[in-house]
N, C-alpha and C. Protein backbone atom coordinates (compact mmCIF):
# COMPACT_ATOMS: atom_id res chain seq x y z
N MET A 1 -8.80 -13.25 -25.60
CA MET A 1 -9.71 -12.69 -23.82
C MET A 1 -9.72 -11.47 -24.40
N ILE A 2 -11.34 -10.98 -24.95
CA ILE A 2 -11.19 -9.64 -25.06
C ILE A 2 -11.30 -8.58 -23.73
N THR A 3 -10.75 -8.02 -23.04
CA THR A 3 -11.43 -7.23 -22.11
C THR A 3 -12.01 -5.97 -22.25
N ALA A 4 -12.11 -5.51 -21.52
CA ALA A 4 -13.52 -4.30 -21.58
C ALA A 4 -13.54 -3.54 -20.60
N ILE A 5 -13.39 -2.05 -20.09
CA ILE A 5 -13.86 -1.40 -19.37
C ILE A 5 -14.87 -0.59 -19.19
N VAL A 6 -15.87 -0.92 -18.85
CA VAL A 6 -16.70 -0.33 -18.79
C VAL A 6 -17.31 1.04 -17.48
N LEU A 7 -17.56 2.18 -17.85
CA LEU A 7 -17.84 3.16 -17.10
C LEU A 7 -19.66 3.19 -17.55
N ILE A 8 -20.11 3.29 -15.96
CA ILE A 8 -21.36 3.56 -16.02
C ILE A 8 -22.19 4.41 -15.52
N GLN A 9 -23.19 5.22 -15.57
CA GLN A 9 -24.25 6.19 -15.00
C GLN A 9 -25.14 5.40 -14.53
N VAL A 10 -25.59 5.41 -13.28
CA VAL A 10 -26.30 5.14 -12.55
C VAL A 10 -27.51 5.74 -11.52
N GLU A 11 -28.38 5.45 -11.71
CA GLU A 11 -29.70 6.75 -10.48
C GLU A 11 -28.60 6.45 -9.17
N ALA A 12 -28.31 7.33 -8.33
CA ALA A 12 -27.66 7.68 -7.40
C ALA A 12 -28.64 6.20 -6.27
N ASP A 13 -29.67 6.32 -5.69
CA ASP A 13 -30.01 5.48 -5.01
C ASP A 13 -30.34 4.25 -5.10
N ALA A 14 -30.00 3.64 -6.70
CA ALA A 14 -29.63 2.63 -7.19
C ALA A 14 -28.08 2.05 -7.51
N ILE A 15 -27.31 2.70 -6.74
CA ILE A 15 -25.62 2.23 -6.93
C ILE A 15 -25.57 0.71 -6.29
N PRO A 16 -26.10 0.71 -5.38
CA PRO A 16 -25.66 -0.72 -4.63
C PRO A 16 -26.35 -1.43 -4.85
N ASP A 17 -27.27 -1.63 -5.47
CA ASP A 17 -28.10 -2.76 -5.67
C ASP A 17 -27.79 -3.02 -7.99
N ALA A 18 -27.37 -2.20 -8.06
CA ALA A 18 -26.92 -2.19 -9.49
C ALA A 18 -25.60 -2.38 -9.95
N ALA A 19 -24.55 -2.35 -8.99
CA ALA A 19 -23.15 -2.94 -9.00
C ALA A 19 -23.36 -4.21 -8.58
N GLN A 20 -24.41 -4.76 -7.61
CA GLN A 20 -24.62 -6.09 -7.34
C GLN A 20 -24.66 -6.95 -8.48
N ALA A 21 -25.82 -6.24 -9.51
CA ALA A 21 -26.59 -7.17 -10.31
C ALA A 21 -25.86 -6.97 -11.27
N ILE A 22 -24.19 -6.26 -11.96
CA ILE A 22 -23.87 -6.26 -12.78
C ILE A 22 -22.68 -7.38 -12.34
N ALA A 23 -22.28 -7.21 -10.77
CA ALA A 23 -21.29 -8.25 -10.74
C ALA A 23 -22.19 -9.82 -10.75
N ASP A 24 -23.14 -10.07 -10.99
CA ASP A 24 -22.92 -11.32 -10.64
C ASP A 24 -23.46 -11.79 -12.03
N ILE A 25 -23.28 -10.89 -13.15
CA ILE A 25 -23.55 -11.28 -14.96
C ILE A 25 -22.23 -11.89 -15.09
N ASP A 26 -22.37 -13.20 -16.08
CA ASP A 26 -21.32 -13.97 -16.62
C ASP A 26 -20.67 -12.95 -17.55
N GLY A 27 -19.56 -12.89 -17.05
CA GLY A 27 -18.48 -11.90 -17.89
C GLY A 27 -17.98 -11.27 -17.43
N VAL A 28 -18.68 -10.22 -16.48
CA VAL A 28 -18.07 -9.55 -15.54
C VAL A 28 -17.57 -9.99 -14.19
N GLY A 29 -16.19 -9.34 -14.64
CA GLY A 29 -15.14 -9.46 -13.33
C GLY A 29 -14.61 -8.65 -12.00
N GLU A 30 -15.48 -7.91 -11.95
CA GLU A 30 -15.01 -6.42 -11.27
C GLU A 30 -15.89 -5.12 -11.34
N VAL A 31 -16.50 -4.98 -10.24
CA VAL A 31 -17.44 -3.50 -9.87
C VAL A 31 -17.29 -3.23 -9.13
N TYR A 32 -16.39 -1.58 -9.40
CA TYR A 32 -15.84 -0.74 -8.56
C TYR A 32 -17.30 0.63 -8.41
N SER A 33 -17.52 0.57 -6.98
CA SER A 33 -17.96 2.18 -7.24
C SER A 33 -17.46 3.32 -7.27
N CYS A 34 -17.16 4.42 -7.50
CA CYS A 34 -16.51 5.80 -7.45
C CYS A 34 -16.69 6.81 -7.84
N ALA A 35 -15.66 7.61 -7.40
CA ALA A 35 -16.26 8.84 -7.17
C ALA A 35 -15.60 9.76 -8.81
N GLY A 36 -16.24 10.76 -9.34
CA GLY A 36 -16.03 11.26 -10.34
C GLY A 36 -17.45 11.49 -11.62
N ASP A 37 -16.74 11.32 -12.83
CA ASP A 37 -17.87 11.68 -13.83
C ASP A 37 -18.78 10.05 -14.12
N VAL A 38 -17.82 9.01 -13.15
CA VAL A 38 -19.37 8.18 -13.68
C VAL A 38 -19.22 7.62 -12.22
N ASP A 39 -20.11 6.58 -11.99
CA ASP A 39 -20.39 5.65 -10.25
C ASP A 39 -20.29 4.64 -10.48
N LEU A 40 -20.03 3.78 -11.31
CA LEU A 40 -19.46 2.47 -11.13
C LEU A 40 -18.28 2.67 -12.56
N ILE A 41 -17.41 1.44 -12.54
CA ILE A 41 -16.43 0.63 -13.49
C ILE A 41 -16.69 -0.63 -13.14
N ALA A 42 -16.73 -1.07 -14.37
CA ALA A 42 -16.86 -2.75 -14.33
C ALA A 42 -15.82 -3.18 -15.33
N THR A 43 -15.22 -4.04 -15.08
CA THR A 43 -14.25 -4.90 -16.02
C THR A 43 -15.24 -6.14 -16.56
N VAL A 44 -14.64 -5.97 -18.45
CA VAL A 44 -15.69 -7.53 -18.58
C VAL A 44 -14.22 -8.35 -19.56
N LYS A 45 -14.70 -9.49 -19.34
CA LYS A 45 -14.04 -10.29 -20.62
C LYS A 45 -14.87 -11.31 -21.10
N VAL A 46 -14.64 -11.14 -22.20
CA VAL A 46 -15.36 -12.32 -23.22
C VAL A 46 -14.46 -12.62 -24.12
N SER A 47 -14.68 -13.64 -25.15
CA SER A 47 -13.87 -14.35 -26.03
C SER A 47 -13.94 -13.67 -27.06
N ALA A 48 -15.16 -12.94 -27.58
CA ALA A 48 -15.14 -12.87 -28.74
C ALA A 48 -15.75 -11.56 -29.01
N HIS A 49 -16.02 -10.18 -29.96
CA HIS A 49 -16.17 -8.96 -29.85
C HIS A 49 -18.09 -9.53 -29.28
N GLU A 50 -18.75 -9.96 -30.28
CA GLU A 50 -19.64 -9.77 -30.70
C GLU A 50 -20.28 -10.44 -29.11
N GLU A 51 -19.62 -10.56 -28.68
CA GLU A 51 -20.05 -10.95 -27.25
C GLU A 51 -20.39 -9.85 -26.27
N LEU A 52 -19.79 -8.73 -26.50
CA LEU A 52 -20.09 -7.50 -25.90
C LEU A 52 -21.17 -6.88 -26.56
N ALA A 53 -21.75 -6.95 -27.33
CA ALA A 53 -22.63 -6.63 -27.53
C ALA A 53 -23.93 -7.40 -26.84
N ASP A 54 -24.11 -8.50 -26.62
CA ASP A 54 -24.82 -9.12 -25.93
C ASP A 54 -24.52 -8.75 -24.35
N LEU A 55 -23.44 -8.85 -23.88
CA LEU A 55 -23.40 -8.39 -22.84
C LEU A 55 -23.43 -7.16 -22.10
N ILE A 56 -23.16 -5.72 -22.89
CA ILE A 56 -22.89 -4.33 -22.21
C ILE A 56 -24.40 -3.78 -22.54
N PRO A 57 -24.64 -3.84 -24.03
CA PRO A 57 -26.56 -3.04 -23.44
C PRO A 57 -27.02 -4.13 -23.44
N GLY A 58 -26.73 -5.27 -23.94
CA GLY A 58 -28.30 -6.07 -23.56
C GLY A 58 -27.75 -6.83 -22.52
N ARG A 59 -27.23 -6.27 -21.47
CA ARG A 59 -27.19 -7.09 -20.26
C ARG A 59 -27.08 -5.61 -18.97
N ILE A 60 -25.88 -5.28 -18.95
CA ILE A 60 -25.74 -4.66 -18.48
C ILE A 60 -26.44 -3.32 -18.55
N GLY A 61 -27.23 -2.82 -19.44
CA GLY A 61 -27.80 -1.42 -19.78
C GLY A 61 -29.33 -1.68 -19.62
N LYS A 62 -29.35 -2.91 -19.45
CA LYS A 62 -30.89 -3.14 -19.16
C LYS A 62 -31.08 -3.52 -17.16
N VAL A 63 -29.86 -3.73 -16.84
CA VAL A 63 -30.28 -3.21 -14.85
C VAL A 63 -30.86 -2.62 -14.55
N PRO A 64 -32.14 -2.58 -13.52
CA PRO A 64 -32.39 -1.59 -12.98
C PRO A 64 -31.61 -0.54 -12.67
N GLY A 65 -31.62 1.14 -12.85
CA GLY A 65 -31.41 2.21 -12.53
C GLY A 65 -30.22 2.63 -13.42
N VAL A 66 -29.86 1.50 -14.21
CA VAL A 66 -28.29 1.83 -15.23
C VAL A 66 -28.75 3.15 -16.59
N LEU A 67 -28.17 4.23 -16.28
CA LEU A 67 -28.72 5.11 -17.56
C LEU A 67 -28.12 5.56 -18.93
N ASP A 68 -26.49 4.91 -18.60
CA ASP A 68 -25.95 5.33 -19.55
C ASP A 68 -24.53 4.09 -19.64
N THR A 69 -24.28 3.75 -20.05
CA THR A 69 -22.30 2.96 -20.79
C THR A 69 -21.77 3.91 -21.39
N VAL A 70 -20.26 3.53 -21.04
CA VAL A 70 -19.21 3.40 -22.27
C VAL A 70 -18.61 3.15 -22.04
N THR A 71 -18.29 2.61 -23.17
CA THR A 71 -17.13 1.03 -23.20
C THR A 71 -15.79 1.01 -23.72
N HIS A 72 -14.58 1.07 -23.16
CA HIS A 72 -13.37 1.48 -24.05
C HIS A 72 -12.74 -0.52 -23.57
N ILE A 73 -12.07 -0.71 -24.68
CA ILE A 73 -11.88 -2.15 -25.56
C ILE A 73 -10.53 -1.80 -25.05
N ALA A 74 -10.23 -3.20 -23.87
CA ALA A 74 -8.17 -2.78 -23.77
C ALA A 74 -7.33 -3.59 -24.77
N PHE A 75 -6.54 -2.67 -25.29
CA PHE A 75 -5.91 -3.35 -26.09
C PHE A 75 -4.23 -4.29 -25.62
N ARG A 76 -3.63 -3.66 -24.78
CA ARG A 76 -2.55 -4.69 -23.74
C ARG A 76 -2.53 -4.58 -22.09
N SER A 77 -2.16 -5.21 -21.82
CA SER A 77 -2.61 -5.10 -20.03
C SER A 77 -0.97 -5.04 -20.00
N TYR A 78 -0.62 -4.18 -18.79
CA TYR A 78 0.56 -3.37 -18.53
C TYR A 78 0.54 -4.03 -16.98
N SER A 79 1.43 -4.98 -15.98
CA SER A 79 1.08 -4.53 -14.55
C SER A 79 2.59 -4.83 -14.04
N ARG A 80 3.07 -4.45 -12.96
CA ARG A 80 3.76 -5.16 -12.36
C ARG A 80 4.41 -6.30 -12.29
N ALA A 81 3.60 -7.18 -11.78
CA ALA A 81 3.78 -8.65 -11.86
C ALA A 81 3.87 -9.40 -13.32
N ASP A 82 3.55 -8.79 -14.77
CA ASP A 82 4.08 -8.79 -15.52
C ASP A 82 5.43 -8.81 -15.86
N THR A 83 6.04 -7.37 -15.94
CA THR A 83 7.03 -7.11 -16.19
C THR A 83 8.09 -7.84 -14.90
N GLU A 84 7.52 -8.30 -13.66
CA GLU A 84 8.03 -9.10 -13.23
C GLU A 84 8.73 -10.12 -13.32
N GLN A 85 7.64 -10.80 -14.24
CA GLN A 85 7.71 -12.28 -14.47
C GLN A 85 8.15 -12.58 -15.91
N ALA A 86 8.08 -11.38 -16.96
CA ALA A 86 9.07 -11.42 -18.03
C ALA A 86 10.19 -11.24 -17.99
N PHE A 87 11.20 -10.89 -16.45
CA PHE A 87 12.47 -10.76 -16.91
C PHE A 87 12.98 -11.52 -15.90
N ALA A 88 11.69 -12.68 -15.20
CA ALA A 88 12.72 -13.67 -14.60
C ALA A 88 12.47 -14.76 -15.36
N ILE A 89 12.42 -14.96 -16.46
CA ILE A 89 12.24 -15.93 -18.07
C ILE A 89 13.58 -16.34 -17.95
N GLY A 90 13.39 -17.89 -17.59
CA GLY A 90 15.44 -17.89 -17.52
C GLY A 90 16.09 -18.39 -16.38
N ALA A 91 15.62 -17.23 -15.30
CA ALA A 91 16.99 -16.86 -14.16
C ALA A 91 16.76 -18.22 -13.04
N GLU A 92 17.55 -18.99 -12.58
CA GLU A 92 17.26 -19.89 -11.45
C GLU A 92 18.02 -19.03 -10.64
N ASP A 93 17.16 -20.24 -9.48
CA ASP A 93 17.24 -19.58 -8.33
C ASP A 93 18.40 -20.42 -7.40
């Protein structure tokens, strides 16, 4: 599975509607509104890189109010749950 983080610039008055429209797209996991250089951040999961081309410019980029997107592809995920689970392998209660 390929995970991408998409930074999205949106017209200010379109943020709520654009966020919901993006969240409703298959392959989009979560959409966050945020302060800073971008208006929305979406997490995307697809099975092949080619799907990113269909999903991001083809669907997210065409949502009304979306001005621009920047995509970052994740190589690896780190989380506390992953670390705790790795150390628990073979541990007996």
